[in-house]
N, C-alpha and C. Protein backbone atom coordinates (compact mmCIF):
# COMPACT_ATOMS: atom_id res chain seq x y z
N UNK A 1 50.40 -19.18 100.81
CA UNK A 1 50.32 -18.12 99.84
C UNK A 1 49.04 -18.30 99.03
N UNK A 2 48.29 -17.26 98.90
CA UNK A 2 47.05 -17.34 98.14
C UNK A 2 47.35 -17.28 96.65
N UNK A 3 46.38 -17.68 95.87
CA UNK A 3 46.55 -17.68 94.42
C UNK A 3 46.85 -16.28 93.89
N UNK A 4 46.20 -15.27 94.41
CA UNK A 4 46.41 -13.92 93.92
C UNK A 4 47.77 -13.35 94.33
N UNK A 5 48.39 -13.92 95.34
CA UNK A 5 49.68 -13.42 95.81
C UNK A 5 50.86 -14.14 95.17
N UNK A 6 50.62 -15.15 94.35
CA UNK A 6 51.71 -15.89 93.70
C UNK A 6 52.41 -15.01 92.68
N UNK A 7 53.69 -15.17 92.65
CA UNK A 7 54.49 -14.43 91.69
C UNK A 7 54.52 -15.19 90.37
N UNK A 8 54.20 -14.49 89.28
CA UNK A 8 54.22 -15.12 87.96
C UNK A 8 55.61 -15.00 87.36
N UNK A 9 56.05 -16.05 86.72
CA UNK A 9 57.32 -16.01 86.01
C UNK A 9 57.08 -16.42 84.56
N UNK A 10 57.89 -15.89 83.68
CA UNK A 10 57.80 -16.22 82.28
C UNK A 10 59.19 -16.59 81.79
N UNK A 11 59.28 -17.73 81.16
CA UNK A 11 60.56 -18.15 80.59
C UNK A 11 60.68 -17.59 79.18
N UNK A 12 61.89 -17.22 78.80
CA UNK A 12 62.15 -16.83 77.44
C UNK A 12 63.55 -17.26 77.07
N UNK A 13 63.78 -17.39 75.77
CA UNK A 13 65.09 -17.79 75.27
C UNK A 13 65.80 -16.58 74.69
N UNK A 14 67.04 -16.40 75.14
CA UNK A 14 67.89 -15.31 74.69
C UNK A 14 69.15 -15.93 74.11
N UNK A 15 69.54 -15.49 72.90
CA UNK A 15 70.76 -16.04 72.33
C UNK A 15 71.48 -14.99 71.51
N UNK A 16 72.65 -15.34 71.03
CA UNK A 16 73.43 -14.48 70.14
C UNK A 16 73.88 -15.32 68.96
N UNK A 17 73.99 -14.68 67.80
CA UNK A 17 74.28 -15.42 66.59
C UNK A 17 75.10 -14.56 65.64
N UNK A 18 76.23 -15.07 65.19
CA UNK A 18 77.03 -14.39 64.17
C UNK A 18 76.60 -14.95 62.82
N UNK A 19 75.80 -14.17 62.10
CA UNK A 19 75.21 -14.67 60.85
C UNK A 19 76.09 -14.43 59.63
N UNK A 20 77.13 -13.63 59.79
CA UNK A 20 78.08 -13.25 58.73
C UNK A 20 77.46 -12.32 57.70
N UNK A 21 76.27 -12.57 57.21
CA UNK A 21 75.60 -11.65 56.30
C UNK A 21 74.12 -11.99 56.20
N UNK A 22 73.32 -10.96 56.04
CA UNK A 22 71.89 -11.13 55.74
C UNK A 22 71.55 -10.41 54.44
N UNK A 23 72.56 -10.06 53.66
CA UNK A 23 72.32 -9.26 52.47
C UNK A 23 71.88 -10.08 51.26
N UNK A 24 72.03 -11.40 51.30
CA UNK A 24 71.64 -12.23 50.18
C UNK A 24 70.14 -12.50 50.14
N UNK A 25 69.67 -12.95 49.02
CA UNK A 25 68.26 -13.24 48.82
C UNK A 25 67.82 -14.40 49.72
N UNK A 26 66.76 -14.18 50.49
CA UNK A 26 66.19 -15.23 51.32
C UNK A 26 66.88 -15.46 52.65
N UNK A 27 67.94 -14.71 52.96
CA UNK A 27 68.68 -14.97 54.19
C UNK A 27 67.90 -14.56 55.44
N UNK A 28 67.17 -13.45 55.38
CA UNK A 28 66.36 -13.04 56.52
C UNK A 28 65.24 -14.05 56.77
N UNK A 29 64.66 -14.57 55.70
CA UNK A 29 63.62 -15.60 55.82
C UNK A 29 64.19 -16.86 56.46
N UNK A 30 65.39 -17.25 56.07
CA UNK A 30 66.04 -18.43 56.65
C UNK A 30 66.34 -18.21 58.13
N UNK A 31 66.79 -17.01 58.49
CA UNK A 31 67.05 -16.69 59.89
C UNK A 31 65.77 -16.80 60.72
N UNK A 32 64.69 -16.25 60.22
CA UNK A 32 63.41 -16.30 60.93
C UNK A 32 62.93 -17.74 61.09
N UNK A 33 63.12 -18.55 60.07
CA UNK A 33 62.74 -19.97 60.15
C UNK A 33 63.50 -20.66 61.29
N UNK A 34 64.79 -20.37 61.43
CA UNK A 34 65.60 -20.96 62.51
C UNK A 34 65.16 -20.45 63.88
N UNK A 35 64.87 -19.15 63.98
CA UNK A 35 64.42 -18.60 65.26
C UNK A 35 63.10 -19.22 65.68
N UNK A 36 62.21 -19.45 64.73
CA UNK A 36 60.94 -20.12 65.03
C UNK A 36 61.18 -21.55 65.48
N UNK A 37 62.08 -22.24 64.78
CA UNK A 37 62.37 -23.64 65.10
C UNK A 37 62.88 -23.78 66.54
N UNK A 38 63.78 -22.88 66.95
CA UNK A 38 64.35 -22.95 68.29
C UNK A 38 63.55 -22.16 69.32
N UNK A 39 62.45 -21.54 68.88
CA UNK A 39 61.56 -20.77 69.75
C UNK A 39 62.32 -19.70 70.54
N UNK A 40 63.13 -18.95 69.81
CA UNK A 40 63.92 -17.88 70.40
C UNK A 40 63.07 -16.62 70.52
N UNK A 41 63.10 -15.99 71.69
CA UNK A 41 62.34 -14.76 71.90
C UNK A 41 63.17 -13.52 71.57
N UNK A 42 64.42 -13.51 72.00
CA UNK A 42 65.30 -12.36 71.77
C UNK A 42 66.64 -12.90 71.29
N UNK A 43 67.15 -12.33 70.20
CA UNK A 43 68.48 -12.73 69.73
C UNK A 43 69.26 -11.49 69.32
N UNK A 44 70.55 -11.53 69.58
CA UNK A 44 71.46 -10.48 69.13
C UNK A 44 72.23 -11.05 67.96
N UNK A 45 72.11 -10.42 66.81
CA UNK A 45 72.81 -10.93 65.62
C UNK A 45 73.91 -9.96 65.23
N UNK A 46 75.05 -10.53 64.83
CA UNK A 46 76.21 -9.74 64.44
C UNK A 46 76.52 -9.96 62.97
N UNK A 47 77.25 -8.99 62.41
CA UNK A 47 77.75 -9.05 61.03
C UNK A 47 76.63 -9.27 60.01
N UNK A 48 75.56 -8.51 60.13
CA UNK A 48 74.44 -8.65 59.20
C UNK A 48 74.76 -8.08 57.83
N UNK A 49 75.59 -7.06 57.77
CA UNK A 49 75.95 -6.36 56.53
C UNK A 49 74.71 -5.77 55.84
N UNK A 50 73.67 -5.50 56.60
CA UNK A 50 72.47 -4.87 56.04
C UNK A 50 72.72 -3.38 55.91
N UNK A 51 72.25 -2.81 54.84
CA UNK A 51 72.38 -1.37 54.59
C UNK A 51 71.00 -0.76 54.46
N UNK A 52 70.92 0.53 54.66
CA UNK A 52 69.66 1.23 54.45
C UNK A 52 68.88 1.41 55.73
N UNK A 53 67.70 0.82 55.79
CA UNK A 53 66.81 1.00 56.93
C UNK A 53 67.46 0.54 58.22
N UNK A 54 67.06 1.17 59.32
CA UNK A 54 67.56 0.76 60.64
C UNK A 54 66.64 -0.22 61.32
N UNK A 55 65.45 -0.42 60.78
CA UNK A 55 64.49 -1.36 61.35
C UNK A 55 63.86 -2.18 60.24
N UNK A 56 63.73 -3.46 60.48
CA UNK A 56 63.06 -4.37 59.56
C UNK A 56 62.03 -5.16 60.35
N UNK A 57 60.95 -5.53 59.71
CA UNK A 57 60.00 -6.45 60.36
C UNK A 57 59.53 -7.45 59.32
N UNK A 58 59.39 -8.67 59.78
CA UNK A 58 58.96 -9.75 58.88
C UNK A 58 58.37 -10.87 59.73
N UNK A 59 57.19 -11.30 59.37
CA UNK A 59 56.51 -12.43 60.02
C UNK A 59 56.45 -12.27 61.54
N UNK A 60 56.24 -11.04 62.02
CA UNK A 60 56.12 -10.81 63.45
C UNK A 60 57.45 -10.68 64.18
N UNK A 61 58.56 -10.74 63.45
CA UNK A 61 59.88 -10.56 64.04
C UNK A 61 60.37 -9.16 63.71
N UNK A 62 61.09 -8.55 64.62
CA UNK A 62 61.60 -7.20 64.43
C UNK A 62 63.11 -7.21 64.53
N UNK A 63 63.77 -6.53 63.60
CA UNK A 63 65.22 -6.42 63.57
C UNK A 63 65.57 -4.95 63.71
N UNK A 64 66.36 -4.61 64.71
CA UNK A 64 66.82 -3.25 64.93
C UNK A 64 68.32 -3.23 64.72
N UNK A 65 68.78 -2.38 63.84
CA UNK A 65 70.19 -2.33 63.52
C UNK A 65 70.91 -1.25 64.33
N UNK A 66 72.13 -1.56 64.71
CA UNK A 66 72.99 -0.61 65.38
C UNK A 66 74.36 -0.69 64.74
N UNK A 67 74.80 0.39 64.18
CA UNK A 67 76.11 0.38 63.52
C UNK A 67 77.16 1.02 64.38
């Protein structure tokens, strides 16, 4: 197999997390710190109890809400 014909693969980490709430002060920052620590690429979070906007972004992380 030639170099140009090699198939590239990319590893990523996918997880799920029941956070119970992200409505308190600093909780989204704490969540992002943990995701960085574990080098998580995609996570599904439950029970955020966030109200208002359907999308949040912080420090290069994006949160999309689905109610």
